Amino acid sequence: MTQAYGVGDELPPLDIPVTRTLIVAGAIASRDYQDVHHDADLAKEKGSPDIFMNILTTNGLVGRYITDHFGPAAVLRKVAIRLGAPNYPGDVLRLTGRITELAGPVGPVGPVGEDPVRATIAVPVGERPVRATIAVTGDNGIGRHVTGTVTVMLPATGTLPVTGTLPATEDLPAPSGERAGA
C-alpha cells in the first residue's frame, strides 16, 4: 500500500477562530507575559487596538496544521515562520499549505496526469520515512499574518494521512504484557 504526494499538492485549509482565550492561553503557555498579549487597556496604551497573538502561538498553530493533515506519526523537523499582520480577537486565521519538496524512498517519479512538471513520491510500506517541505501561509481579516515553511518527516507506513482508525483490540498488548484475547 502506498500514499502518493506530489510537489505542488495543496493541503486543505484550516480556519482557526482567534479568541481572547486562545491569545492569552498561548501567551501563558509559552511564558510570554508581555502585557500586549493579555491586557487590552495596556495594549491600547501602546498603540494596538487590542491584545494580539504572540509568535510562539502562531508557530504552534502552524505545526498543528501540518500534523493535523499528516497525522500524529508525522514528526516536525523545522518550522520557520515570519509574522505580518497581527491576529486580534474576533478574527479568523486561515492556514493554507502547498508541498514544495519531497525526499526519501521514491516510488514512481514522473509526470502526474497532464502536468509534466509535477512529480509524485510513493511511500512504500516498510521503507524509510519521507521528508516533506510545505510552504504555509496564514491570512486573517487584515491581511497576511504568517508565511513560512515546515519540514516534516512522514512515516513510511502507507497509511498517510492518518484517518483516525485504531488497531484492532487483539493487536494491542494487554496491560499485564500478555496478548489481548489470549
N, C-alpha and C. Protein backbone atom coordinates (compact mmCIF):
# COMPACT_ATOMS: atom_id res chain seq x y z
N MET A 1 0.85 -1.17 0.00
CA MET A 1 0.00 0.00 0.00
C MET A 1 0.89 1.24 0.00
N THR A 2 0.54 2.22 -0.81
CA THR A 2 1.31 3.45 -0.84
C THR A 2 0.37 4.64 -0.81
N GLN A 3 0.92 5.76 -0.37
CA GLN A 3 0.20 7.03 -0.39
C GLN A 3 1.04 7.98 -1.22
N ALA A 4 0.50 8.48 -2.30
CA ALA A 4 1.27 9.36 -3.17
C ALA A 4 1.03 10.82 -2.81
N TYR A 5 2.11 11.55 -2.75
CA TYR A 5 2.07 13.00 -2.57
C TYR A 5 2.85 13.60 -3.71
N GLY A 6 2.42 14.73 -4.17
CA GLY A 6 3.13 15.39 -5.25
C GLY A 6 3.59 16.78 -4.86
N VAL A 7 4.74 17.15 -5.40
CA VAL A 7 5.18 18.53 -5.24
C VAL A 7 4.13 19.39 -5.92
N GLY A 8 3.66 20.38 -5.22
CA GLY A 8 2.59 21.24 -5.74
C GLY A 8 1.23 20.91 -5.15
N ASP A 9 1.10 19.76 -4.48
CA ASP A 9 -0.18 19.41 -3.86
C ASP A 9 -0.55 20.45 -2.80
N GLU A 10 -1.81 20.83 -2.79
CA GLU A 10 -2.33 21.79 -1.81
C GLU A 10 -2.92 21.02 -0.63
N LEU A 11 -2.64 21.49 0.57
CA LEU A 11 -3.29 20.95 1.76
C LEU A 11 -4.62 21.66 1.93
N PRO A 12 -5.62 20.98 2.48
CA PRO A 12 -6.89 21.68 2.72
C PRO A 12 -6.69 22.79 3.75
N PRO A 13 -7.43 23.89 3.61
CA PRO A 13 -7.26 25.00 4.55
C PRO A 13 -7.77 24.63 5.94
N LEU A 14 -7.25 25.33 6.94
CA LEU A 14 -7.71 25.18 8.31
C LEU A 14 -8.07 26.57 8.82
N ASP A 15 -9.32 26.74 9.23
CA ASP A 15 -9.79 28.01 9.80
C ASP A 15 -9.77 27.92 11.32
N ILE A 16 -9.08 28.87 11.94
CA ILE A 16 -8.95 28.89 13.40
C ILE A 16 -9.53 30.20 13.92
N PRO A 17 -10.62 30.14 14.70
CA PRO A 17 -11.14 31.36 15.31
C PRO A 17 -10.12 31.92 16.30
N VAL A 18 -9.84 33.20 16.17
CA VAL A 18 -8.89 33.87 17.06
C VAL A 18 -9.70 34.47 18.21
N THR A 19 -9.60 33.84 19.36
CA THR A 19 -10.35 34.29 20.54
C THR A 19 -9.40 34.89 21.57
N ARG A 20 -9.96 35.65 22.49
CA ARG A 20 -9.15 36.16 23.60
C ARG A 20 -8.52 35.01 24.37
N THR A 21 -9.31 33.97 24.58
CA THR A 21 -8.80 32.81 25.32
C THR A 21 -7.60 32.19 24.62
N LEU A 22 -7.68 32.01 23.30
CA LEU A 22 -6.56 31.45 22.55
C LEU A 22 -5.33 32.33 22.66
N ILE A 23 -5.51 33.63 22.53
CA ILE A 23 -4.38 34.56 22.59
C ILE A 23 -3.72 34.53 23.97
N VAL A 24 -4.53 34.64 25.02
CA VAL A 24 -3.98 34.67 26.39
C VAL A 24 -3.40 33.31 26.76
N ALA A 25 -4.12 32.23 26.46
CA ALA A 25 -3.62 30.89 26.81
C ALA A 25 -2.31 30.60 26.08
N GLY A 26 -2.22 30.99 24.81
CA GLY A 26 -0.98 30.78 24.06
C GLY A 26 0.18 31.55 24.64
N ALA A 27 -0.08 32.78 25.07
CA ALA A 27 0.98 33.59 25.67
C ALA A 27 1.43 32.99 27.00
N ILE A 28 0.47 32.57 27.82
CA ILE A 28 0.83 31.98 29.11
C ILE A 28 1.57 30.66 28.91
N ALA A 29 1.07 29.82 28.00
CA ALA A 29 1.70 28.52 27.76
C ALA A 29 3.14 28.66 27.29
N SER A 30 3.42 29.73 26.56
CA SER A 30 4.79 29.94 26.05
C SER A 30 5.59 30.89 26.95
N ARG A 31 5.03 31.20 28.12
CA ARG A 31 5.69 32.07 29.11
C ARG A 31 6.04 33.45 28.56
N ASP A 32 5.16 33.94 27.71
CA ASP A 32 5.32 35.29 27.16
C ASP A 32 4.34 36.19 27.90
N TYR A 33 4.84 36.85 28.93
CA TYR A 33 3.98 37.63 29.81
C TYR A 33 3.89 39.10 29.41
N GLN A 34 4.28 39.44 28.19
CA GLN A 34 4.16 40.84 27.76
C GLN A 34 2.68 41.23 27.80
N ASP A 35 2.43 42.41 28.33
CA ASP A 35 1.05 42.85 28.54
C ASP A 35 0.24 42.95 27.26
N VAL A 36 0.86 43.14 26.12
CA VAL A 36 0.12 43.28 24.86
C VAL A 36 -0.58 41.98 24.46
N HIS A 37 -0.27 40.88 25.15
CA HIS A 37 -0.89 39.59 24.85
C HIS A 37 -1.99 39.20 25.83
N HIS A 38 -2.22 40.05 26.87
CA HIS A 38 -3.27 39.69 27.83
C HIS A 38 -4.02 40.88 28.43
N ASP A 39 -3.53 42.10 28.27
CA ASP A 39 -4.16 43.28 28.88
C ASP A 39 -4.55 44.27 27.79
N ALA A 40 -5.86 44.29 27.47
CA ALA A 40 -6.34 45.14 26.37
C ALA A 40 -6.06 46.62 26.61
N ASP A 41 -6.24 47.09 27.84
CA ASP A 41 -6.01 48.51 28.12
C ASP A 41 -4.55 48.90 27.91
N LEU A 42 -3.63 48.08 28.40
CA LEU A 42 -2.21 48.38 28.22
C LEU A 42 -1.79 48.23 26.75
N ALA A 43 -2.40 47.28 26.05
CA ALA A 43 -2.11 47.14 24.62
C ALA A 43 -2.55 48.40 23.87
N LYS A 44 -3.71 48.95 24.25
CA LYS A 44 -4.20 50.18 23.62
C LYS A 44 -3.29 51.36 23.94
N GLU A 45 -2.81 51.43 25.18
CA GLU A 45 -1.88 52.50 25.55
C GLU A 45 -0.61 52.45 24.70
N LYS A 46 -0.26 51.27 24.26
CA LYS A 46 0.96 51.10 23.44
C LYS A 46 0.67 51.21 21.95
N GLY A 47 -0.57 51.57 21.58
CA GLY A 47 -0.90 51.83 20.19
C GLY A 47 -1.58 50.70 19.44
N SER A 48 -1.87 49.61 20.09
CA SER A 48 -2.55 48.49 19.45
C SER A 48 -4.05 48.61 19.73
N PRO A 49 -4.91 48.25 18.78
CA PRO A 49 -6.34 48.33 19.05
C PRO A 49 -6.84 47.31 20.08
N ASP A 50 -6.05 46.27 20.34
CA ASP A 50 -6.46 45.22 21.27
C ASP A 50 -5.24 44.34 21.55
N ILE A 51 -5.43 43.30 22.39
CA ILE A 51 -4.36 42.33 22.58
C ILE A 51 -4.14 41.61 21.25
N PHE A 52 -2.97 41.01 21.08
CA PHE A 52 -2.71 40.28 19.83
C PHE A 52 -1.89 39.03 20.12
N MET A 53 -1.99 38.07 19.20
CA MET A 53 -1.34 36.77 19.34
C MET A 53 0.18 36.90 19.26
N ASN A 54 0.88 36.10 20.08
CA ASN A 54 2.34 36.11 20.02
C ASN A 54 2.86 35.12 18.97
N ILE A 55 4.12 35.25 18.63
CA ILE A 55 4.71 34.43 17.57
C ILE A 55 4.76 32.95 17.95
N LEU A 56 4.94 32.65 19.23
CA LEU A 56 5.02 31.24 19.63
C LEU A 56 3.69 30.53 19.47
N THR A 57 2.59 31.23 19.71
CA THR A 57 1.27 30.64 19.48
C THR A 57 1.07 30.39 17.99
N THR A 58 1.43 31.37 17.17
CA THR A 58 1.33 31.18 15.72
C THR A 58 2.18 29.99 15.28
N ASN A 59 3.39 29.90 15.80
CA ASN A 59 4.28 28.79 15.47
C ASN A 59 3.63 27.45 15.80
N GLY A 60 3.01 27.37 16.97
CA GLY A 60 2.32 26.15 17.37
C GLY A 60 1.13 25.83 16.49
N LEU A 61 0.39 26.84 16.08
CA LEU A 61 -0.76 26.61 15.20
C LEU A 61 -0.32 26.14 13.82
N VAL A 62 0.79 26.66 13.32
CA VAL A 62 1.32 26.20 12.04
C VAL A 62 1.73 24.73 12.16
N GLY A 63 2.41 24.38 13.25
CA GLY A 63 2.77 22.98 13.46
C GLY A 63 1.56 22.08 13.56
N ARG A 64 0.53 22.54 14.26
CA ARG A 64 -0.71 21.77 14.38
C ARG A 64 -1.35 21.56 13.01
N TYR A 65 -1.34 22.58 12.19
CA TYR A 65 -1.91 22.48 10.85
C TYR A 65 -1.27 21.32 10.08
N ILE A 66 0.04 21.22 10.15
CA ILE A 66 0.75 20.17 9.42
C ILE A 66 0.47 18.80 10.03
N THR A 67 0.56 18.68 11.35
CA THR A 67 0.33 17.36 11.96
C THR A 67 -1.14 16.95 11.90
N ASP A 68 -2.06 17.90 11.90
CA ASP A 68 -3.47 17.54 11.69
C ASP A 68 -3.66 16.90 10.32
N HIS A 69 -2.95 17.41 9.32
CA HIS A 69 -3.09 16.87 7.97
C HIS A 69 -2.40 15.52 7.82
N PHE A 70 -1.15 15.42 8.25
CA PHE A 70 -0.37 14.21 8.01
C PHE A 70 -0.51 13.17 9.11
N GLY A 71 -1.11 13.53 10.23
CA GLY A 71 -1.36 12.56 11.29
C GLY A 71 -0.34 12.61 12.41
N PRO A 72 -0.67 11.94 13.52
CA PRO A 72 0.18 12.02 14.71
C PRO A 72 1.55 11.37 14.55
N ALA A 73 1.75 10.54 13.55
CA ALA A 73 3.07 9.91 13.36
C ALA A 73 4.03 10.84 12.61
N ALA A 74 3.52 11.92 12.04
CA ALA A 74 4.39 12.89 11.36
C ALA A 74 5.23 13.62 12.41
N VAL A 75 6.51 13.83 12.11
CA VAL A 75 7.42 14.48 13.06
C VAL A 75 7.89 15.80 12.47
N LEU A 76 7.59 16.89 13.16
CA LEU A 76 8.05 18.20 12.71
C LEU A 76 9.56 18.28 12.91
N ARG A 77 10.29 18.65 11.87
CA ARG A 77 11.74 18.81 11.96
C ARG A 77 12.14 20.28 12.00
N LYS A 78 11.37 21.13 11.32
CA LYS A 78 11.71 22.55 11.29
C LYS A 78 10.45 23.34 10.98
N VAL A 79 10.24 24.40 11.74
CA VAL A 79 9.16 25.34 11.47
C VAL A 79 9.82 26.72 11.43
N ALA A 80 9.78 27.34 10.26
CA ALA A 80 10.38 28.67 10.09
C ALA A 80 9.30 29.62 9.59
N ILE A 81 8.93 30.59 10.43
CA ILE A 81 7.84 31.49 10.07
C ILE A 81 8.26 32.95 10.21
N ARG A 82 7.48 33.78 9.53
CA ARG A 82 7.65 35.24 9.63
C ARG A 82 6.25 35.83 9.81
N LEU A 83 6.12 36.71 10.80
CA LEU A 83 4.82 37.33 11.05
C LEU A 83 4.62 38.57 10.21
N GLY A 84 3.35 38.84 9.91
CA GLY A 84 2.95 40.04 9.19
C GLY A 84 1.88 40.76 9.99
N ALA A 85 0.66 40.79 9.47
CA ALA A 85 -0.46 41.46 10.14
C ALA A 85 -0.78 40.76 11.46
N PRO A 86 -1.09 41.52 12.50
CA PRO A 86 -1.39 40.89 13.80
C PRO A 86 -2.69 40.11 13.78
N ASN A 87 -2.80 39.15 14.70
CA ASN A 87 -4.03 38.39 14.93
C ASN A 87 -4.72 38.98 16.16
N TYR A 88 -5.88 39.61 15.94
CA TYR A 88 -6.66 40.20 17.03
C TYR A 88 -7.86 39.31 17.35
N PRO A 89 -8.40 39.42 18.57
CA PRO A 89 -9.59 38.64 18.92
C PRO A 89 -10.75 38.97 17.99
N GLY A 90 -11.53 37.94 17.69
CA GLY A 90 -12.70 38.11 16.84
C GLY A 90 -12.44 37.84 15.38
N ASP A 91 -11.20 37.65 15.00
CA ASP A 91 -10.85 37.36 13.61
C ASP A 91 -10.76 35.85 13.41
N VAL A 92 -10.51 35.43 12.19
CA VAL A 92 -10.30 34.02 11.86
C VAL A 92 -8.98 33.93 11.11
N LEU A 93 -8.12 33.02 11.55
CA LEU A 93 -6.86 32.75 10.86
C LEU A 93 -7.08 31.56 9.94
N ARG A 94 -6.85 31.76 8.64
CA ARG A 94 -6.98 30.66 7.67
C ARG A 94 -5.59 30.25 7.23
N LEU A 95 -5.21 29.01 7.60
CA LEU A 95 -3.92 28.47 7.20
C LEU A 95 -4.08 27.64 5.93
N THR A 96 -3.15 27.82 5.01
CA THR A 96 -3.10 27.03 3.78
C THR A 96 -1.67 26.56 3.57
N GLY A 97 -1.52 25.48 2.83
CA GLY A 97 -0.19 24.95 2.59
C GLY A 97 -0.07 24.27 1.24
N ARG A 98 1.17 24.20 0.76
CA ARG A 98 1.47 23.56 -0.52
C ARG A 98 2.79 22.82 -0.38
N ILE A 99 2.83 21.56 -0.81
CA ILE A 99 4.07 20.78 -0.76
C ILE A 99 5.03 21.34 -1.79
N THR A 100 6.23 21.70 -1.33
CA THR A 100 7.23 22.29 -2.23
C THR A 100 8.41 21.36 -2.49
N GLU A 101 8.59 20.35 -1.63
CA GLU A 101 9.73 19.44 -1.81
C GLU A 101 9.42 18.11 -1.14
N LEU A 102 9.86 17.02 -1.78
CA LEU A 102 9.75 15.68 -1.22
C LEU A 102 11.08 14.98 -1.39
N ALA A 103 11.52 14.26 -0.39
CA ALA A 103 12.77 13.49 -0.48
C ALA A 103 12.62 12.24 0.35
N GLY A 104 13.14 11.13 -0.16
CA GLY A 104 13.06 9.87 0.57
C GLY A 104 12.94 8.72 -0.39
N PRO A 105 12.41 7.59 0.07
CA PRO A 105 12.26 6.44 -0.82
C PRO A 105 11.28 6.79 -1.93
N VAL A 106 11.70 6.60 -3.13
CA VAL A 106 10.91 7.07 -4.26
C VAL A 106 10.24 5.91 -4.95
N GLY A 107 8.95 6.07 -5.13
CA GLY A 107 8.20 5.14 -5.95
C GLY A 107 8.20 5.70 -7.36
N PRO A 108 7.08 5.68 -8.02
CA PRO A 108 7.04 6.23 -9.38
C PRO A 108 7.24 7.74 -9.37
N VAL A 109 8.24 8.20 -10.05
CA VAL A 109 8.51 9.63 -10.15
C VAL A 109 8.38 10.01 -11.61
N GLY A 110 7.63 11.03 -11.86
CA GLY A 110 7.46 11.47 -13.24
C GLY A 110 6.23 12.34 -13.33
N PRO A 111 5.80 12.61 -14.56
CA PRO A 111 4.64 13.48 -14.74
C PRO A 111 3.40 12.91 -14.07
N VAL A 112 2.58 13.80 -13.53
CA VAL A 112 1.32 13.41 -12.93
C VAL A 112 0.23 13.95 -13.83
N GLY A 113 -0.56 13.05 -14.38
CA GLY A 113 -1.64 13.49 -15.25
C GLY A 113 -1.10 14.26 -16.43
N GLU A 114 -1.65 15.43 -16.64
CA GLU A 114 -1.25 16.27 -17.76
C GLU A 114 -0.14 17.25 -17.40
N ASP A 115 0.31 17.24 -16.15
CA ASP A 115 1.31 18.20 -15.69
C ASP A 115 2.70 17.60 -15.79
N PRO A 116 3.52 18.01 -16.77
CA PRO A 116 4.84 17.42 -16.95
C PRO A 116 5.86 17.87 -15.91
N VAL A 117 5.53 18.86 -15.09
CA VAL A 117 6.48 19.39 -14.12
C VAL A 117 6.32 18.71 -12.76
N ARG A 118 5.09 18.37 -12.43
CA ARG A 118 4.80 17.83 -11.11
C ARG A 118 5.19 16.36 -11.03
N ALA A 119 5.85 15.97 -9.96
CA ALA A 119 6.22 14.57 -9.75
C ALA A 119 5.60 14.08 -8.46
N THR A 120 5.42 12.78 -8.36
CA THR A 120 4.90 12.20 -7.12
C THR A 120 5.95 11.34 -6.47
N ILE A 121 5.74 11.10 -5.22
CA ILE A 121 6.60 10.17 -4.49
C ILE A 121 5.67 9.20 -3.78
N ALA A 122 5.95 7.92 -3.94
CA ALA A 122 5.15 6.90 -3.28
C ALA A 122 5.90 6.46 -2.03
N VAL A 123 5.16 6.19 -0.98
CA VAL A 123 5.76 5.80 0.28
C VAL A 123 5.51 4.31 0.48
N PRO A 124 6.48 3.44 0.11
CA PRO A 124 6.26 2.00 0.26
C PRO A 124 6.25 1.59 1.73
N VAL A 125 5.44 0.58 2.05
CA VAL A 125 5.39 0.07 3.41
C VAL A 125 6.76 -0.48 3.78
N GLY A 126 7.23 -0.12 4.97
CA GLY A 126 8.48 -0.65 5.47
C GLY A 126 9.72 0.10 5.02
N GLU A 127 9.59 1.09 4.19
CA GLU A 127 10.75 1.86 3.74
C GLU A 127 11.05 2.98 4.74
N ARG A 128 12.12 3.71 4.46
CA ARG A 128 12.49 4.84 5.31
C ARG A 128 11.44 5.94 5.23
N PRO A 129 11.43 6.83 6.20
CA PRO A 129 10.49 7.95 6.16
C PRO A 129 10.78 8.89 4.99
N VAL A 130 9.78 9.66 4.66
CA VAL A 130 9.87 10.67 3.61
C VAL A 130 9.95 12.04 4.27
N ARG A 131 10.83 12.91 3.76
CA ARG A 131 10.89 14.29 4.24
C ARG A 131 10.09 15.15 3.27
N ALA A 132 9.18 15.93 3.82
CA ALA A 132 8.37 16.83 3.00
C ALA A 132 8.58 18.26 3.51
N THR A 133 8.62 19.19 2.58
CA THR A 133 8.66 20.61 2.92
C THR A 133 7.38 21.23 2.41
N ILE A 134 6.72 21.97 3.29
CA ILE A 134 5.44 22.58 2.96
C ILE A 134 5.54 24.08 3.16
N ALA A 135 5.16 24.85 2.14
CA ALA A 135 5.06 26.30 2.26
C ALA A 135 3.70 26.60 2.89
N VAL A 136 3.70 27.37 3.96
CA VAL A 136 2.47 27.66 4.69
C VAL A 136 2.23 29.17 4.70
N THR A 137 0.97 29.55 4.52
CA THR A 137 0.56 30.94 4.70
C THR A 137 -0.66 30.97 5.60
N GLY A 138 -0.82 32.08 6.30
CA GLY A 138 -1.98 32.27 7.15
C GLY A 138 -2.51 33.68 7.00
N ASP A 139 -3.76 33.79 6.62
CA ASP A 139 -4.39 35.09 6.41
C ASP A 139 -5.52 35.31 7.40
N ASN A 140 -5.72 36.58 7.75
CA ASN A 140 -6.86 36.96 8.58
C ASN A 140 -7.57 38.13 7.90
N GLY A 141 -8.49 38.78 8.60
CA GLY A 141 -9.25 39.87 8.01
C GLY A 141 -8.43 41.10 7.68
N ILE A 142 -7.25 41.22 8.26
CA ILE A 142 -6.38 42.38 8.00
C ILE A 142 -5.47 42.12 6.81
N GLY A 143 -5.01 40.88 6.69
CA GLY A 143 -4.07 40.54 5.62
C GLY A 143 -3.31 39.27 5.94
N ARG A 144 -2.09 39.20 5.49
CA ARG A 144 -1.26 38.01 5.69
C ARG A 144 -0.63 38.06 7.08
N HIS A 145 -1.03 37.12 7.94
CA HIS A 145 -0.50 37.05 9.31
C HIS A 145 0.84 36.32 9.36
N VAL A 146 0.97 35.23 8.60
CA VAL A 146 2.18 34.40 8.70
C VAL A 146 2.52 33.80 7.35
N THR A 147 3.82 33.73 7.09
CA THR A 147 4.35 32.96 5.95
C THR A 147 5.49 32.12 6.50
N GLY A 148 5.71 30.98 5.88
CA GLY A 148 6.82 30.16 6.34
C GLY A 148 6.89 28.83 5.65
N THR A 149 7.82 28.02 6.13
CA THR A 149 7.98 26.66 5.63
C THR A 149 8.08 25.71 6.82
N VAL A 150 7.58 24.51 6.60
CA VAL A 150 7.65 23.46 7.60
C VAL A 150 8.27 22.24 6.95
N THR A 151 9.27 21.66 7.62
CA THR A 151 9.85 20.40 7.18
C THR A 151 9.35 19.33 8.14
N VAL A 152 8.82 18.26 7.57
CA VAL A 152 8.21 17.20 8.37
C VAL A 152 8.68 15.85 7.84
N MET A 153 8.90 14.92 8.76
CA MET A 153 9.22 13.53 8.39
C MET A 153 7.91 12.75 8.45
N LEU A 154 7.62 12.08 7.35
CA LEU A 154 6.40 11.28 7.25
C LEU A 154 6.78 9.82 7.35
N PRO A 155 6.14 9.07 8.24
CA PRO A 155 6.48 7.66 8.38
C PRO A 155 6.11 6.89 7.13
N ALA A 156 6.88 5.90 6.81
CA ALA A 156 6.63 5.09 5.62
C ALA A 156 5.69 3.94 5.97
N THR A 157 4.48 4.28 6.37
CA THR A 157 3.52 3.25 6.74
C THR A 157 2.54 2.97 5.63
N GLY A 158 2.47 3.83 4.65
CA GLY A 158 1.50 3.65 3.59
C GLY A 158 0.09 4.01 4.01
N THR A 159 -0.07 4.63 5.19
CA THR A 159 -1.41 4.96 5.67
C THR A 159 -1.59 6.46 5.85
N LEU A 160 -0.79 7.26 5.17
CA LEU A 160 -0.90 8.70 5.34
C LEU A 160 -1.97 9.25 4.42
N PRO A 161 -2.73 10.27 4.77
CA PRO A 161 -2.80 10.81 6.12
C PRO A 161 -3.58 9.87 7.04
N VAL A 162 -3.32 9.97 8.32
CA VAL A 162 -3.97 9.12 9.31
C VAL A 162 -5.44 9.49 9.36
N THR A 163 -6.29 8.49 9.35
CA THR A 163 -7.73 8.73 9.32
C THR A 163 -8.38 8.59 10.68
N GLY A 164 -7.63 8.19 11.68
CA GLY A 164 -8.20 8.00 13.00
C GLY A 164 -8.53 6.55 13.29
N THR A 165 -8.28 5.64 12.35
CA THR A 165 -8.54 4.23 12.58
C THR A 165 -7.53 3.67 13.57
N LEU A 166 -8.01 2.99 14.58
CA LEU A 166 -7.13 2.39 15.58
C LEU A 166 -6.96 0.91 15.30
N PRO A 167 -5.85 0.30 15.76
CA PRO A 167 -5.66 -1.14 15.58
C PRO A 167 -6.76 -1.90 16.30
N ALA A 168 -7.02 -3.12 15.82
CA ALA A 168 -7.99 -3.97 16.49
C ALA A 168 -7.50 -4.28 17.90
N THR A 169 -8.44 -4.50 18.82
CA THR A 169 -8.08 -4.75 20.21
C THR A 169 -7.12 -5.91 20.35
N GLU A 170 -7.30 -6.97 19.55
CA GLU A 170 -6.43 -8.13 19.69
C GLU A 170 -4.99 -7.83 19.27
N ASP A 171 -4.75 -6.72 18.57
CA ASP A 171 -3.40 -6.34 18.18
C ASP A 171 -2.70 -5.51 19.25
N LEU A 172 -3.41 -5.13 20.28
CA LEU A 172 -2.83 -4.31 21.34
C LEU A 172 -2.39 -5.20 22.51
N PRO A 173 -1.25 -4.90 23.13
CA PRO A 173 -0.84 -5.71 24.28
C PRO A 173 -1.78 -5.49 25.46
N ALA A 174 -2.02 -6.56 26.19
CA ALA A 174 -2.82 -6.47 27.41
C ALA A 174 -2.01 -5.75 28.47
N PRO A 175 -2.65 -5.13 29.46
CA PRO A 175 -1.92 -4.39 30.49
C PRO A 175 -0.84 -5.21 31.19
N SER A 176 -1.04 -6.53 31.34
CA SER A 176 -0.06 -7.36 32.03
C SER A 176 1.10 -7.76 31.12
N GLY A 177 1.06 -7.36 29.87
CA GLY A 177 2.10 -7.73 28.91
C GLY A 177 1.71 -8.93 28.08
N GLU A 178 0.57 -9.60 28.45
CA GLU A 178 0.09 -10.72 27.65
C GLU A 178 -0.71 -10.17 26.49
N ARG A 179 -0.88 -10.94 25.45
CA ARG A 179 -1.67 -10.53 24.30
C ARG A 179 -3.15 -10.51 24.68
N ALA A 180 -3.84 -9.50 24.23
CA ALA A 180 -5.27 -9.42 24.48
C ALA A 180 -5.95 -10.58 23.78
N GLY A 181 -6.95 -11.14 24.40
CA GLY A 181 -7.70 -12.25 23.81
C GLY A 181 -6.98 -13.58 23.92
N ALA A 182 -5.83 -13.63 24.62
CA ALA A 182 -5.08 -14.88 24.74
C ALA A 182 -5.54 -15.67 25.92
